[in-house]
Amino acid sequence: MWTNIIYIFVEIIKKSTTMKNLIATLILTVLTLVGFSQLEVPKNIDLNEVQKEFMILYKKRCDSLGHKIEEDNDLFVLSNCQSNYLNTLTDAKISHKQLNNQSLYSLKDRLHYFYPRYKEYLVQEGFEISEVIAAYYDYNNLKNENNKNLAKELFTTLINSEPHREIMDDKTKEQVNFVVGLNKSNAIFVVGVLSNQYIVK
């Protein structure tokens, strides 16, 4: 967890072009740390293991479709940003939007916020980016679940949703990053960001 937070912070500092972005990023990071300290993951659940099992399922599906994918650390900045927001929610909701921050409101807003230097380049090059989100809401059964079953639940939810399935099966989107999180109502969720080329040229 701390490694991920340090990594995203270093990456953002490297890519930030203005002091305003850097200050906002510091505030966002502090709020994220506070949010993480309040989460109570059941002892039988390891979010990192759920994420690994999820990626095993997704890679297996991609192999069967002849779809080459690569886990992209630059996309982690985006998937983790939305995951951090969803971690703070206290009800059974997931969203592609961040209602409390207009700079990070949509996936495109987050892309332009964290990678402002590449905004013009990405538009010119026909860059496409998408986000998929799914959640597991069975609070009462969470203590009886295991990492592999939760990964399967999240993966199946995405594949059973036609819009999400189309994004995940799109063979042009070879760069991917998925993050698994837990909100304050013990809803486990996965956020995935997929793109058709690298963000950073």
N, C-alpha and C. Protein backbone atom coordinates (compact mmCIF):
# COMPACT_ATOMS: atom_id res chain seq x y z
N MET A 1 0.83 -1.20 0.00
CA MET A 1 0.00 0.00 0.00
C MET A 1 0.87 1.25 0.00
N TRP A 2 1.83 1.34 1.00
CA TRP A 2 2.67 2.53 1.09
C TRP A 2 3.56 2.67 -0.13
N THR A 3 4.02 1.53 -0.67
CA THR A 3 4.85 1.57 -1.88
C THR A 3 4.08 2.21 -3.02
N ASN A 4 2.81 1.82 -3.18
CA ASN A 4 1.98 2.38 -4.24
C ASN A 4 1.80 3.89 -4.05
N ILE A 5 1.57 4.32 -2.83
CA ILE A 5 1.36 5.73 -2.56
C ILE A 5 2.62 6.53 -2.87
N ILE A 6 3.79 6.02 -2.42
CA ILE A 6 5.05 6.71 -2.69
C ILE A 6 5.31 6.76 -4.19
N TYR A 7 5.04 5.63 -4.87
CA TYR A 7 5.27 5.59 -6.32
C TYR A 7 4.43 6.62 -7.04
N ILE A 8 3.13 6.67 -6.74
CA ILE A 8 2.26 7.62 -7.45
C ILE A 8 2.67 9.06 -7.13
N PHE A 9 3.10 9.31 -5.91
CA PHE A 9 3.50 10.66 -5.55
C PHE A 9 4.75 11.08 -6.34
N VAL A 10 5.73 10.19 -6.43
CA VAL A 10 6.96 10.47 -7.20
C VAL A 10 6.63 10.70 -8.67
N GLU A 11 5.76 9.84 -9.22
CA GLU A 11 5.39 9.98 -10.64
C GLU A 11 4.70 11.31 -10.91
N ILE A 12 3.83 11.70 -10.00
CA ILE A 12 3.10 12.96 -10.19
C ILE A 12 4.06 14.14 -10.12
N ILE A 13 4.99 14.11 -9.17
CA ILE A 13 5.97 15.19 -9.06
C ILE A 13 6.78 15.29 -10.35
N LYS A 14 7.19 14.15 -10.90
CA LYS A 14 7.97 14.14 -12.13
C LYS A 14 7.20 14.73 -13.29
N LYS A 15 5.87 14.54 -13.31
CA LYS A 15 5.06 14.95 -14.45
C LYS A 15 4.35 16.29 -14.25
N SER A 16 4.33 16.79 -13.02
CA SER A 16 3.65 18.06 -12.76
C SER A 16 4.43 19.21 -13.38
N THR A 17 3.71 20.15 -13.97
CA THR A 17 4.37 21.26 -14.63
C THR A 17 4.16 22.58 -13.91
N THR A 18 3.28 22.60 -12.93
CA THR A 18 3.03 23.85 -12.22
C THR A 18 3.00 23.60 -10.72
N MET A 19 3.33 24.64 -9.99
CA MET A 19 3.29 24.56 -8.53
C MET A 19 1.87 24.33 -8.04
N LYS A 20 0.89 24.87 -8.76
CA LYS A 20 -0.52 24.68 -8.40
C LYS A 20 -0.87 23.19 -8.40
N ASN A 21 -0.45 22.48 -9.45
CA ASN A 21 -0.72 21.04 -9.53
C ASN A 21 -0.01 20.29 -8.39
N LEU A 22 1.21 20.72 -8.09
CA LEU A 22 1.99 20.05 -7.06
C LEU A 22 1.33 20.21 -5.68
N ILE A 23 0.87 21.42 -5.38
CA ILE A 23 0.20 21.67 -4.10
C ILE A 23 -1.10 20.87 -4.00
N ALA A 24 -1.88 20.89 -5.09
CA ALA A 24 -3.12 20.11 -5.09
C ALA A 24 -2.84 18.63 -4.91
N THR A 25 -1.75 18.16 -5.51
CA THR A 25 -1.38 16.75 -5.39
C THR A 25 -1.00 16.41 -3.96
N LEU A 26 -0.27 17.32 -3.29
CA LEU A 26 0.09 17.10 -1.88
C LEU A 26 -1.16 16.97 -1.02
N ILE A 27 -2.12 17.85 -1.25
CA ILE A 27 -3.38 17.81 -0.49
C ILE A 27 -4.10 16.49 -0.75
N LEU A 28 -4.19 16.10 -2.03
CA LEU A 28 -4.86 14.85 -2.41
C LEU A 28 -4.18 13.65 -1.75
N THR A 29 -2.85 13.65 -1.70
CA THR A 29 -2.10 12.54 -1.11
C THR A 29 -2.37 12.45 0.39
N VAL A 30 -2.38 13.58 1.08
CA VAL A 30 -2.66 13.59 2.52
C VAL A 30 -4.06 13.06 2.80
N LEU A 31 -5.05 13.52 2.01
CA LEU A 31 -6.42 13.03 2.18
C LEU A 31 -6.50 11.53 1.92
N THR A 32 -5.73 11.05 0.96
CA THR A 32 -5.70 9.62 0.66
C THR A 32 -5.16 8.83 1.84
N LEU A 33 -4.08 9.33 2.46
CA LEU A 33 -3.49 8.64 3.61
C LEU A 33 -4.48 8.56 4.76
N VAL A 34 -5.21 9.64 4.99
CA VAL A 34 -6.24 9.65 6.03
C VAL A 34 -7.31 8.63 5.71
N GLY A 35 -7.73 8.57 4.45
CA GLY A 35 -8.75 7.61 4.01
C GLY A 35 -8.30 6.17 4.23
N PHE A 36 -7.03 5.89 3.87
CA PHE A 36 -6.53 4.53 4.04
C PHE A 36 -6.50 4.14 5.50
N SER A 37 -6.15 5.08 6.39
CA SER A 37 -6.03 4.75 7.80
C SER A 37 -7.38 4.38 8.41
N GLN A 38 -8.48 4.76 7.76
CA GLN A 38 -9.80 4.49 8.31
C GLN A 38 -10.42 3.20 7.75
N LEU A 39 -9.79 2.61 6.72
CA LEU A 39 -10.35 1.40 6.13
C LEU A 39 -10.08 0.20 7.02
N GLU A 40 -11.04 -0.71 7.08
CA GLU A 40 -10.86 -1.93 7.84
C GLU A 40 -11.12 -3.12 6.92
N VAL A 41 -10.04 -3.62 6.33
CA VAL A 41 -10.15 -4.78 5.45
C VAL A 41 -10.28 -6.03 6.32
N PRO A 42 -11.31 -6.86 6.08
CA PRO A 42 -11.43 -8.10 6.85
C PRO A 42 -10.15 -8.93 6.77
N LYS A 43 -9.80 -9.61 7.85
CA LYS A 43 -8.53 -10.33 7.92
C LYS A 43 -8.39 -11.41 6.86
N ASN A 44 -9.53 -11.93 6.39
CA ASN A 44 -9.47 -13.00 5.39
C ASN A 44 -9.29 -12.46 3.97
N ILE A 45 -9.31 -11.13 3.82
CA ILE A 45 -9.22 -10.53 2.49
C ILE A 45 -7.91 -9.76 2.35
N ASP A 46 -7.20 -10.01 1.25
CA ASP A 46 -5.98 -9.27 0.92
C ASP A 46 -6.24 -8.61 -0.43
N LEU A 47 -6.39 -7.29 -0.43
CA LEU A 47 -6.74 -6.57 -1.67
C LEU A 47 -5.69 -6.77 -2.76
N ASN A 48 -4.42 -6.87 -2.38
CA ASN A 48 -3.37 -7.12 -3.38
C ASN A 48 -3.55 -8.48 -4.04
N GLU A 49 -3.94 -9.47 -3.24
CA GLU A 49 -4.17 -10.81 -3.78
C GLU A 49 -5.41 -10.83 -4.68
N VAL A 50 -6.45 -10.11 -4.28
CA VAL A 50 -7.65 -10.01 -5.12
C VAL A 50 -7.27 -9.41 -6.48
N GLN A 51 -6.44 -8.38 -6.43
CA GLN A 51 -6.00 -7.72 -7.67
C GLN A 51 -5.20 -8.69 -8.55
N LYS A 52 -4.30 -9.44 -7.94
CA LYS A 52 -3.49 -10.42 -8.70
C LYS A 52 -4.37 -11.48 -9.34
N GLU A 53 -5.34 -11.98 -8.56
CA GLU A 53 -6.25 -13.00 -9.09
C GLU A 53 -7.12 -12.44 -10.21
N PHE A 54 -7.52 -11.18 -10.07
CA PHE A 54 -8.31 -10.52 -11.11
C PHE A 54 -7.51 -10.46 -12.41
N MET A 55 -6.24 -10.08 -12.30
CA MET A 55 -5.40 -9.96 -13.50
C MET A 55 -5.14 -11.32 -14.13
N ILE A 56 -5.06 -12.36 -13.34
CA ILE A 56 -4.91 -13.71 -13.89
C ILE A 56 -6.11 -14.05 -14.76
N LEU A 57 -7.31 -13.73 -14.26
CA LEU A 57 -8.53 -14.00 -15.03
C LEU A 57 -8.58 -13.17 -16.30
N TYR A 58 -8.22 -11.91 -16.19
CA TYR A 58 -8.28 -11.03 -17.37
C TYR A 58 -7.25 -11.44 -18.42
N LYS A 59 -6.04 -11.75 -17.99
CA LYS A 59 -5.00 -12.18 -18.95
C LYS A 59 -5.40 -13.49 -19.63
N LYS A 60 -6.02 -14.37 -18.88
CA LYS A 60 -6.48 -15.64 -19.47
C LYS A 60 -7.53 -15.37 -20.54
N ARG A 61 -8.46 -14.45 -20.27
CA ARG A 61 -9.48 -14.11 -21.27
C ARG A 61 -8.82 -13.48 -22.49
N CYS A 62 -7.90 -12.56 -22.25
CA CYS A 62 -7.23 -11.89 -23.37
C CYS A 62 -6.45 -12.89 -24.22
N ASP A 63 -5.78 -13.83 -23.59
CA ASP A 63 -5.06 -14.86 -24.34
C ASP A 63 -6.00 -15.64 -25.24
N SER A 64 -7.19 -15.96 -24.73
CA SER A 64 -8.16 -16.74 -25.52
C SER A 64 -8.69 -15.93 -26.71
N LEU A 65 -8.64 -14.60 -26.60
CA LEU A 65 -9.14 -13.73 -27.68
C LEU A 65 -8.02 -13.23 -28.59
N GLY A 66 -6.79 -13.59 -28.28
CA GLY A 66 -5.66 -13.08 -29.06
C GLY A 66 -5.45 -11.60 -28.83
N HIS A 67 -5.75 -11.14 -27.62
CA HIS A 67 -5.66 -9.73 -27.25
C HIS A 67 -4.44 -9.53 -26.38
N LYS A 68 -3.44 -8.83 -26.90
CA LYS A 68 -2.21 -8.59 -26.14
C LYS A 68 -2.41 -7.39 -25.21
N ILE A 69 -2.09 -7.57 -23.93
CA ILE A 69 -2.19 -6.47 -22.98
C ILE A 69 -0.89 -6.34 -22.20
N GLU A 70 -0.68 -5.14 -21.68
CA GLU A 70 0.50 -4.86 -20.88
C GLU A 70 0.08 -3.96 -19.73
N GLU A 71 0.49 -4.31 -18.52
CA GLU A 71 0.19 -3.47 -17.36
C GLU A 71 1.07 -2.22 -17.43
N ASP A 72 0.42 -1.06 -17.47
CA ASP A 72 1.09 0.21 -17.71
C ASP A 72 1.10 1.05 -16.43
N ASN A 73 2.30 1.35 -15.92
CA ASN A 73 2.41 2.11 -14.67
C ASN A 73 1.95 3.56 -14.81
N ASP A 74 2.00 4.12 -16.01
CA ASP A 74 1.51 5.48 -16.19
C ASP A 74 -0.01 5.53 -16.01
N LEU A 75 -0.71 4.47 -16.37
CA LEU A 75 -2.16 4.40 -16.16
C LEU A 75 -2.50 4.21 -14.68
N PHE A 76 -1.54 3.69 -13.91
CA PHE A 76 -1.76 3.49 -12.47
C PHE A 76 -2.12 4.81 -11.79
N VAL A 77 -1.51 5.90 -12.23
CA VAL A 77 -1.80 7.22 -11.65
C VAL A 77 -3.30 7.51 -11.75
N LEU A 78 -3.92 7.10 -12.88
CA LEU A 78 -5.34 7.38 -13.11
C LEU A 78 -6.24 6.39 -12.38
N SER A 79 -5.93 5.11 -12.47
CA SER A 79 -6.77 4.11 -11.80
C SER A 79 -6.69 4.26 -10.28
N ASN A 80 -5.50 4.57 -9.77
CA ASN A 80 -5.34 4.73 -8.34
C ASN A 80 -6.01 6.00 -7.82
N CYS A 81 -6.00 7.05 -8.64
CA CYS A 81 -6.68 8.29 -8.26
C CYS A 81 -8.17 8.05 -8.04
N GLN A 82 -8.80 7.32 -8.97
CA GLN A 82 -10.23 7.05 -8.82
C GLN A 82 -10.48 6.06 -7.68
N SER A 83 -9.58 5.11 -7.51
CA SER A 83 -9.71 4.17 -6.40
C SER A 83 -9.63 4.91 -5.06
N ASN A 84 -8.71 5.85 -4.95
CA ASN A 84 -8.59 6.63 -3.71
C ASN A 84 -9.86 7.39 -3.41
N TYR A 85 -10.49 7.92 -4.44
CA TYR A 85 -11.77 8.63 -4.25
C TYR A 85 -12.85 7.66 -3.79
N LEU A 86 -12.95 6.52 -4.45
CA LEU A 86 -13.99 5.54 -4.09
C LEU A 86 -13.77 4.99 -2.68
N ASN A 87 -12.51 4.92 -2.24
CA ASN A 87 -12.20 4.48 -0.88
C ASN A 87 -12.88 5.34 0.17
N THR A 88 -13.10 6.60 -0.15
CA THR A 88 -13.62 7.55 0.85
C THR A 88 -15.13 7.51 0.96
N LEU A 89 -15.81 6.84 0.03
CA LEU A 89 -17.27 6.86 0.03
C LEU A 89 -17.82 6.01 1.17
N THR A 90 -18.90 6.48 1.77
CA THR A 90 -19.47 5.80 2.93
C THR A 90 -20.77 5.08 2.61
N ASP A 91 -21.13 5.03 1.33
CA ASP A 91 -22.34 4.29 0.98
C ASP A 91 -22.02 3.34 -0.18
N ALA A 92 -23.03 2.57 -0.54
CA ALA A 92 -22.84 1.53 -1.56
C ALA A 92 -22.95 2.11 -2.96
N LYS A 93 -21.98 2.94 -3.31
CA LYS A 93 -22.00 3.54 -4.63
C LYS A 93 -20.62 3.46 -5.26
N ILE A 94 -20.60 3.28 -6.57
CA ILE A 94 -19.37 3.43 -7.32
C ILE A 94 -19.67 4.42 -8.44
N SER A 95 -18.65 5.12 -8.89
CA SER A 95 -18.87 6.15 -9.88
C SER A 95 -17.61 6.38 -10.70
N HIS A 96 -17.81 6.81 -11.94
CA HIS A 96 -16.69 7.23 -12.77
C HIS A 96 -16.36 8.69 -12.53
N LYS A 97 -17.18 9.38 -11.76
CA LYS A 97 -17.01 10.81 -11.50
C LYS A 97 -16.47 11.04 -10.09
N GLN A 98 -15.81 12.19 -9.92
CA GLN A 98 -15.42 12.64 -8.59
C GLN A 98 -16.17 13.93 -8.32
N LEU A 99 -17.20 13.82 -7.50
CA LEU A 99 -18.11 14.93 -7.29
C LEU A 99 -17.52 16.07 -6.46
N ASN A 100 -16.46 15.79 -5.72
CA ASN A 100 -15.91 16.81 -4.83
C ASN A 100 -14.72 17.56 -5.42
N ASN A 101 -14.37 17.27 -6.67
CA ASN A 101 -13.19 17.91 -7.25
C ASN A 101 -13.36 18.04 -8.76
N GLN A 102 -13.63 19.24 -9.24
CA GLN A 102 -13.85 19.46 -10.67
C GLN A 102 -12.61 19.18 -11.50
N SER A 103 -11.43 19.37 -10.93
CA SER A 103 -10.19 19.10 -11.67
C SER A 103 -10.02 17.61 -11.96
N LEU A 104 -10.64 16.77 -11.13
CA LEU A 104 -10.53 15.32 -11.28
C LEU A 104 -11.88 14.69 -11.59
N TYR A 105 -12.83 15.48 -12.03
CA TYR A 105 -14.23 15.04 -12.16
C TYR A 105 -14.39 13.82 -13.06
N SER A 106 -13.84 13.85 -14.26
CA SER A 106 -13.98 12.73 -15.19
C SER A 106 -12.62 12.11 -15.49
N LEU A 107 -12.63 10.98 -16.15
CA LEU A 107 -11.36 10.33 -16.53
C LEU A 107 -10.53 11.28 -17.39
N LYS A 108 -11.15 11.97 -18.35
CA LYS A 108 -10.41 12.92 -19.20
C LYS A 108 -9.83 14.06 -18.37
N ASP A 109 -10.61 14.53 -17.38
CA ASP A 109 -10.09 15.58 -16.49
C ASP A 109 -8.86 15.10 -15.74
N ARG A 110 -8.92 13.87 -15.24
CA ARG A 110 -7.78 13.32 -14.50
C ARG A 110 -6.57 13.14 -15.42
N LEU A 111 -6.81 12.71 -16.64
CA LEU A 111 -5.74 12.55 -17.62
C LEU A 111 -5.04 13.89 -17.85
N HIS A 112 -5.83 14.94 -18.09
CA HIS A 112 -5.26 16.26 -18.38
C HIS A 112 -4.62 16.88 -17.15
N TYR A 113 -5.14 16.52 -15.97
CA TYR A 113 -4.57 17.05 -14.73
C TYR A 113 -3.19 16.46 -14.45
N PHE A 114 -3.08 15.14 -14.55
CA PHE A 114 -1.82 14.48 -14.21
C PHE A 114 -0.80 14.49 -15.35
N TYR A 115 -1.27 14.64 -16.59
CA TYR A 115 -0.36 14.63 -17.74
C TYR A 115 -0.58 15.85 -18.63
N PRO A 116 -0.48 17.05 -18.08
CA PRO A 116 -0.79 18.26 -18.87
C PRO A 116 0.14 18.46 -20.06
N ARG A 117 1.39 18.01 -19.93
CA ARG A 117 2.34 18.21 -21.03
C ARG A 117 1.97 17.43 -22.28
N TYR A 118 1.18 16.36 -22.11
CA TYR A 118 0.89 15.48 -23.24
C TYR A 118 -0.50 15.68 -23.82
N LYS A 119 -1.23 16.67 -23.31
CA LYS A 119 -2.61 16.89 -23.74
C LYS A 119 -2.73 17.07 -25.25
N GLU A 120 -1.95 18.00 -25.80
CA GLU A 120 -2.02 18.28 -27.24
C GLU A 120 -1.55 17.09 -28.06
N TYR A 121 -0.47 16.46 -27.62
CA TYR A 121 0.06 15.29 -28.32
C TYR A 121 -0.96 14.16 -28.38
N LEU A 122 -1.64 13.89 -27.27
CA LEU A 122 -2.60 12.79 -27.22
C LEU A 122 -3.78 13.03 -28.15
N VAL A 123 -4.25 14.28 -28.23
CA VAL A 123 -5.35 14.60 -29.13
C VAL A 123 -4.93 14.39 -30.58
N GLN A 124 -3.74 14.83 -30.93
CA GLN A 124 -3.24 14.71 -32.30
C GLN A 124 -3.04 13.26 -32.71
N GLU A 125 -2.65 12.43 -31.78
CA GLU A 125 -2.30 11.04 -32.11
C GLU A 125 -3.49 10.09 -32.04
N GLY A 126 -4.70 10.60 -31.85
CA GLY A 126 -5.88 9.72 -31.80
C GLY A 126 -5.90 8.83 -30.57
N PHE A 127 -5.40 9.34 -29.48
CA PHE A 127 -5.35 8.59 -28.22
C PHE A 127 -6.76 8.31 -27.71
N GLU A 128 -7.00 7.08 -27.28
CA GLU A 128 -8.29 6.70 -26.69
C GLU A 128 -8.04 6.07 -25.33
N ILE A 129 -8.88 6.45 -24.38
CA ILE A 129 -8.73 5.94 -23.02
C ILE A 129 -10.12 5.67 -22.44
N SER A 130 -10.24 4.60 -21.67
CA SER A 130 -11.53 4.22 -21.09
C SER A 130 -11.32 3.74 -19.66
N GLU A 131 -12.41 3.78 -18.90
CA GLU A 131 -12.38 3.33 -17.51
C GLU A 131 -13.52 2.36 -17.26
N VAL A 132 -13.22 1.29 -16.53
CA VAL A 132 -14.25 0.32 -16.13
C VAL A 132 -14.23 0.20 -14.61
N ILE A 133 -15.41 0.05 -14.02
CA ILE A 133 -15.52 -0.07 -12.57
C ILE A 133 -16.60 -1.10 -12.23
N ALA A 134 -16.31 -1.94 -11.25
CA ALA A 134 -17.31 -2.88 -10.74
C ALA A 134 -17.12 -3.01 -9.23
N ALA A 135 -18.18 -3.44 -8.53
CA ALA A 135 -18.10 -3.59 -7.07
C ALA A 135 -18.81 -4.84 -6.60
N TYR A 136 -18.40 -5.31 -5.44
CA TYR A 136 -19.02 -6.44 -4.75
C TYR A 136 -19.63 -5.90 -3.46
N TYR A 137 -20.96 -6.03 -3.32
CA TYR A 137 -21.68 -5.36 -2.25
C TYR A 137 -22.17 -6.26 -1.11
N ASP A 138 -21.89 -7.55 -1.16
CA ASP A 138 -22.46 -8.47 -0.19
C ASP A 138 -21.73 -8.36 1.15
N TYR A 139 -22.05 -7.30 1.91
CA TYR A 139 -21.33 -7.02 3.16
C TYR A 139 -21.39 -8.18 4.13
N ASN A 140 -22.56 -8.78 4.28
CA ASN A 140 -22.74 -9.85 5.26
C ASN A 140 -21.90 -11.08 4.95
N ASN A 141 -21.61 -11.29 3.67
CA ASN A 141 -20.88 -12.48 3.27
C ASN A 141 -19.39 -12.23 3.12
N LEU A 142 -18.96 -10.98 3.25
CA LEU A 142 -17.57 -10.63 2.98
C LEU A 142 -16.59 -11.41 3.86
N LYS A 143 -16.95 -11.63 5.12
CA LYS A 143 -16.05 -12.34 6.03
C LYS A 143 -15.93 -13.82 5.70
N ASN A 144 -16.86 -14.31 4.87
CA ASN A 144 -16.80 -15.72 4.46
C ASN A 144 -16.17 -15.90 3.09
N GLU A 145 -15.79 -14.80 2.45
CA GLU A 145 -15.24 -14.86 1.09
C GLU A 145 -13.74 -15.11 1.13
N ASN A 146 -13.18 -15.42 -0.06
CA ASN A 146 -11.73 -15.50 -0.18
C ASN A 146 -11.29 -14.66 -1.38
N ASN A 147 -10.00 -14.44 -1.49
CA ASN A 147 -9.46 -13.54 -2.52
C ASN A 147 -9.82 -13.99 -3.93
N LYS A 148 -9.71 -15.27 -4.19
CA LYS A 148 -9.95 -15.78 -5.54
C LYS A 148 -11.42 -15.61 -5.93
N ASN A 149 -12.33 -15.90 -5.01
CA ASN A 149 -13.77 -15.75 -5.31
C ASN A 149 -14.14 -14.28 -5.53
N LEU A 150 -13.56 -13.38 -4.73
CA LEU A 150 -13.86 -11.96 -4.90
C LEU A 150 -13.36 -11.46 -6.25
N ALA A 151 -12.18 -11.90 -6.65
CA ALA A 151 -11.65 -11.52 -7.96
C ALA A 151 -12.58 -12.00 -9.07
N LYS A 152 -13.07 -13.23 -8.91
CA LYS A 152 -13.99 -13.79 -9.91
C LYS A 152 -15.30 -13.01 -9.95
N GLU A 153 -15.82 -12.62 -8.78
CA GLU A 153 -17.06 -11.84 -8.71
C GLU A 153 -16.89 -10.50 -9.45
N LEU A 154 -15.79 -9.81 -9.18
CA LEU A 154 -15.54 -8.52 -9.82
C LEU A 154 -15.37 -8.67 -11.33
N PHE A 155 -14.60 -9.68 -11.71
CA PHE A 155 -14.33 -9.90 -13.14
C PHE A 155 -15.62 -10.27 -13.88
N THR A 156 -16.41 -11.16 -13.29
CA THR A 156 -17.67 -11.59 -13.91
C THR A 156 -18.64 -10.42 -14.05
N THR A 157 -18.68 -9.56 -13.03
CA THR A 157 -19.56 -8.39 -13.10
C THR A 157 -19.20 -7.51 -14.29
N LEU A 158 -17.92 -7.29 -14.50
CA LEU A 158 -17.49 -6.47 -15.64
C LEU A 158 -17.80 -7.15 -16.97
N ILE A 159 -17.52 -8.43 -17.08
CA ILE A 159 -17.71 -9.14 -18.35
C ILE A 159 -19.21 -9.27 -18.67
N ASN A 160 -20.05 -9.35 -17.65
CA ASN A 160 -21.49 -9.45 -17.88
C ASN A 160 -22.13 -8.11 -18.25
N SER A 161 -21.36 -7.04 -18.12
CA SER A 161 -21.84 -5.71 -18.53
C SER A 161 -21.33 -5.43 -19.94
N GLU A 162 -22.25 -5.33 -20.89
CA GLU A 162 -21.83 -5.19 -22.30
C GLU A 162 -20.90 -4.00 -22.54
N PRO A 163 -21.18 -2.80 -22.02
CA PRO A 163 -20.26 -1.68 -22.27
C PRO A 163 -18.86 -1.92 -21.70
N HIS A 164 -18.80 -2.52 -20.50
CA HIS A 164 -17.50 -2.80 -19.90
C HIS A 164 -16.78 -3.91 -20.66
N ARG A 165 -17.53 -4.93 -21.05
CA ARG A 165 -16.92 -6.04 -21.80
C ARG A 165 -16.33 -5.55 -23.13
N GLU A 166 -17.04 -4.67 -23.81
CA GLU A 166 -16.55 -4.15 -25.09
C GLU A 166 -15.22 -3.40 -24.90
N ILE A 167 -15.12 -2.65 -23.82
CA ILE A 167 -13.87 -1.92 -23.54
C ILE A 167 -12.75 -2.91 -23.24
N MET A 168 -13.01 -3.89 -22.37
CA MET A 168 -11.97 -4.82 -21.96
C MET A 168 -11.55 -5.75 -23.09
N ASP A 169 -12.46 -6.04 -24.02
CA ASP A 169 -12.15 -6.93 -25.14
C ASP A 169 -11.63 -6.18 -26.37
N ASP A 170 -11.59 -4.85 -26.30
CA ASP A 170 -11.12 -4.04 -27.43
C ASP A 170 -9.63 -4.29 -27.64
N LYS A 171 -9.28 -4.92 -28.73
CA LYS A 171 -7.89 -5.32 -28.98
C LYS A 171 -6.97 -4.14 -29.24
N THR A 172 -7.52 -2.96 -29.50
CA THR A 172 -6.66 -1.79 -29.68
C THR A 172 -6.17 -1.26 -28.33
N LYS A 173 -6.87 -1.62 -27.26
CA LYS A 173 -6.48 -1.13 -25.93
C LYS A 173 -5.55 -2.15 -25.27
N GLU A 174 -4.26 -1.98 -25.52
CA GLU A 174 -3.26 -2.93 -25.04
C GLU A 174 -2.62 -2.50 -23.73
N GLN A 175 -2.71 -1.21 -23.39
CA GLN A 175 -2.15 -0.72 -22.13
C GLN A 175 -3.27 -0.71 -21.08
N VAL A 176 -3.03 -1.37 -19.94
CA VAL A 176 -4.08 -1.49 -18.93
C VAL A 176 -3.50 -1.32 -17.53
N ASN A 177 -4.37 -0.93 -16.60
CA ASN A 177 -4.00 -0.94 -15.19
C ASN A 177 -5.26 -1.07 -14.36
N PHE A 178 -5.26 -2.00 -13.42
CA PHE A 178 -6.41 -2.25 -12.56
C PHE A 178 -5.99 -2.12 -11.10
N VAL A 179 -6.86 -1.50 -10.29
CA VAL A 179 -6.61 -1.35 -8.86
C VAL A 179 -7.86 -1.82 -8.11
N VAL A 180 -7.66 -2.60 -7.06
CA VAL A 180 -8.77 -3.08 -6.23
C VAL A 180 -8.76 -2.30 -4.92
N GLY A 181 -9.95 -1.88 -4.48
CA GLY A 181 -10.05 -1.11 -3.24
C GLY A 181 -11.26 -1.51 -2.41
N LEU A 182 -11.41 -0.85 -1.27
CA LEU A 182 -12.50 -1.13 -0.34
C LEU A 182 -13.00 0.20 0.20
N ASN A 183 -14.33 0.44 0.10
CA ASN A 183 -14.83 1.71 0.63
C ASN A 183 -15.26 1.55 2.10
N LYS A 184 -15.76 2.63 2.68
CA LYS A 184 -16.06 2.62 4.11
C LYS A 184 -17.31 1.84 4.47
N SER A 185 -18.02 1.35 3.45
CA SER A 185 -19.16 0.46 3.70
C SER A 185 -18.82 -0.99 3.39
N ASN A 186 -17.51 -1.26 3.29
CA ASN A 186 -17.01 -2.61 2.99
C ASN A 186 -17.46 -3.12 1.63
N ALA A 187 -17.62 -2.23 0.67
CA ALA A 187 -17.84 -2.65 -0.72
C ALA A 187 -16.48 -2.75 -1.39
N ILE A 188 -16.16 -3.94 -1.89
CA ILE A 188 -14.90 -4.13 -2.61
C ILE A 188 -15.13 -3.77 -4.06
N PHE A 189 -14.22 -3.03 -4.65
CA PHE A 189 -14.39 -2.59 -6.03
C PHE A 189 -13.09 -2.73 -6.81
N VAL A 190 -13.21 -2.68 -8.12
CA VAL A 190 -12.05 -2.66 -9.01
C VAL A 190 -12.21 -1.50 -9.97
N VAL A 191 -11.13 -0.77 -10.19
CA VAL A 191 -11.09 0.31 -11.17
C VAL A 191 -10.04 -0.06 -12.21
N GLY A 192 -10.45 -0.04 -13.48
CA GLY A 192 -9.51 -0.32 -14.55
C GLY A 192 -9.46 0.83 -15.54
N VAL A 193 -8.26 1.18 -15.98
CA VAL A 193 -8.07 2.18 -17.02
C VAL A 193 -7.32 1.52 -18.16
N LEU A 194 -7.86 1.69 -19.38
CA LEU A 194 -7.30 1.02 -20.56
C LEU A 194 -7.11 2.06 -21.66
N SER A 195 -6.00 1.96 -22.39
CA SER A 195 -5.74 2.93 -23.46
C SER A 195 -5.18 2.22 -24.70
N ASN A 196 -5.26 2.91 -25.83
CA ASN A 196 -4.81 2.34 -27.09
C ASN A 196 -3.36 2.68 -27.42
N GLN A 197 -2.71 3.45 -26.53
CA GLN A 197 -1.29 3.73 -26.68
C GLN A 197 -0.75 4.29 -25.37
N TYR A 198 0.56 4.43 -25.32
CA TYR A 198 1.17 4.95 -24.08
C TYR A 198 0.81 6.42 -23.91
N ILE A 199 0.62 6.83 -22.66
CA ILE A 199 0.34 8.22 -22.37
C ILE A 199 1.60 9.06 -22.63
N VAL A 200 2.71 8.58 -22.12
CA VAL A 200 3.97 9.31 -22.23
C VAL A 200 4.73 8.79 -23.45
N LYS A 201 4.99 9.69 -24.40
CA LYS A 201 5.67 9.27 -25.63
C LYS A 201 7.15 9.10 -25.38
